[in-house]
């Protein structure tokens, strides 16, 4: 019985779908298409071709990934928390914004 449980413990992760590692490319998709409301409605980010004027200009602010993550998770000012995004999507959009704005 223990051997079966141990084997199951080893094989179960192989049967589950793998989560994609966060990437800046996936983050660009979150920024432009997945987040609701879309990030570019409020934010300017030249790499994304967005010119929003409600939130800060990300090209000027140059936030690092941790700052973006905190804002997306918790909201800040008039920006809502993006509770519908997965942790991987939040990580990806944070990497994308920080890189596109010139900060890592």
Protein backbone atom coordinates (compact mmCIF):
# COMPACT_ATOMS: atom_id res chain seq x y z
CA UNK A 1 0.00 0.00 0.00
CA UNK A 2 2.80 2.43 0.86
CA UNK A 3 4.61 1.64 -2.37
CA UNK A 4 1.43 2.38 -4.34
CA UNK A 5 0.92 5.68 -2.52
CA UNK A 6 4.55 6.63 -3.09
CA UNK A 7 4.32 5.74 -6.78
CA UNK A 8 1.11 7.73 -7.12
CA UNK A 9 2.83 10.69 -5.46
CA UNK A 10 5.60 10.49 -8.04
CA UNK A 11 3.32 10.05 -11.05
CA UNK A 12 0.53 12.50 -10.20
CA UNK A 13 2.55 15.62 -11.06
CA UNK A 14 3.23 14.12 -14.47
CA UNK A 15 -0.49 13.71 -15.12
CA UNK A 16 -1.37 17.32 -14.26
CA UNK A 17 -1.09 20.01 -16.93
CA UNK A 18 2.12 21.98 -16.55
CA UNK A 19 1.83 25.68 -15.81
CA UNK A 20 3.73 27.80 -18.30
CA UNK A 21 6.65 29.66 -16.82
CA UNK A 22 6.04 33.41 -16.65
CA UNK A 23 7.54 35.25 -19.61
CA UNK A 24 7.56 38.81 -20.86
CA UNK A 25 5.94 37.62 -24.10
CA UNK A 26 3.01 36.16 -22.15
CA UNK A 27 2.94 39.39 -20.13
CA UNK A 28 2.49 41.45 -23.27
CA UNK A 29 -0.61 39.39 -24.05
CA UNK A 30 -1.93 40.00 -20.52
CA UNK A 31 -1.23 43.75 -20.85
CA UNK A 32 -2.90 44.08 -24.25
CA UNK A 33 -5.62 41.41 -24.24
CA UNK A 34 -6.24 39.53 -21.01
CA UNK A 35 -6.52 42.09 -18.18
CA UNK A 36 -9.96 43.65 -17.74
CA UNK A 37 -9.93 46.58 -18.07
CA UNK A 38 -7.03 46.46 -20.53
CA UNK A 39 -3.87 48.00 -19.08
CA UNK A 40 -3.34 50.31 -22.05
CA UNK A 41 -6.71 52.01 -21.52
CA UNK A 42 -5.13 53.77 -18.54
CA UNK A 43 -1.37 53.50 -19.09
CA UNK A 44 1.04 54.73 -21.73
CA UNK A 45 3.67 52.14 -22.64
CA UNK A 46 5.34 52.84 -25.97
CA UNK A 47 6.47 49.23 -26.58
CA UNK A 48 2.82 48.16 -26.39
CA UNK A 49 1.61 51.08 -28.49
CA UNK A 50 -0.70 52.33 -25.74
CA UNK A 51 -1.38 55.94 -24.84
CA UNK A 52 -3.69 55.85 -21.83
CA UNK A 53 -3.70 58.97 -19.67
CA UNK A 54 -5.62 57.94 -16.55
CA UNK A 55 -2.80 56.09 -14.79
CA UNK A 56 0.89 56.87 -14.73
CA UNK A 57 2.93 56.82 -17.92
CA UNK A 58 4.91 53.60 -17.47
CA UNK A 59 7.68 54.78 -19.81
CA UNK A 60 8.31 57.68 -17.44
CA UNK A 61 7.68 55.85 -14.16
CA UNK A 62 9.88 52.86 -15.13
CA UNK A 63 8.54 50.56 -12.39
CA UNK A 64 10.46 47.44 -11.46
CA UNK A 65 8.69 44.06 -11.58
CA UNK A 66 7.99 44.00 -7.83
CA UNK A 67 6.24 47.37 -7.98
CA UNK A 68 4.09 46.24 -10.92
CA UNK A 69 3.23 42.98 -9.13
CA UNK A 70 2.12 44.84 -5.99
CA UNK A 71 -0.07 47.24 -8.00
CA UNK A 72 -1.68 44.47 -10.07
CA UNK A 73 -2.33 42.23 -7.04
CA UNK A 74 -3.54 44.88 -4.62
CA UNK A 75 -4.64 47.83 -6.74
CA UNK A 76 -3.39 51.35 -6.08
CA UNK A 77 -5.23 54.67 -6.26
CA UNK A 78 -8.00 54.29 -8.86
CA UNK A 79 -6.40 51.13 -10.29
CA UNK A 80 -8.31 48.01 -9.23
CA UNK A 81 -6.75 44.77 -8.05
CA UNK A 82 -6.79 42.28 -10.92
CA UNK A 83 -8.23 39.34 -9.01
CA UNK A 84 -9.06 37.37 -12.18
CA UNK A 85 -5.42 37.06 -13.22
CA UNK A 86 -3.49 33.97 -12.16
CA UNK A 87 -0.22 34.29 -10.23
CA UNK A 88 1.62 33.31 -13.43
CA UNK A 89 -0.17 36.02 -15.43
CA UNK A 90 0.66 38.61 -12.77
CA UNK A 91 4.30 37.53 -12.81
CA UNK A 92 4.35 37.67 -16.63
CA UNK A 93 2.80 41.12 -16.93
CA UNK A 94 5.17 42.39 -14.24
CA UNK A 95 8.20 41.10 -16.17
CA UNK A 96 6.84 42.59 -19.39
CA UNK A 97 6.09 46.06 -18.02
CA UNK A 98 9.40 46.31 -16.15
CA UNK A 99 11.35 45.22 -19.22
CA UNK A 100 9.41 47.34 -21.72
CA UNK A 101 9.70 50.40 -19.50
CA UNK A 102 13.45 49.90 -19.11
CA UNK A 103 13.64 48.32 -15.62
CA UNK A 104 14.07 44.71 -14.61
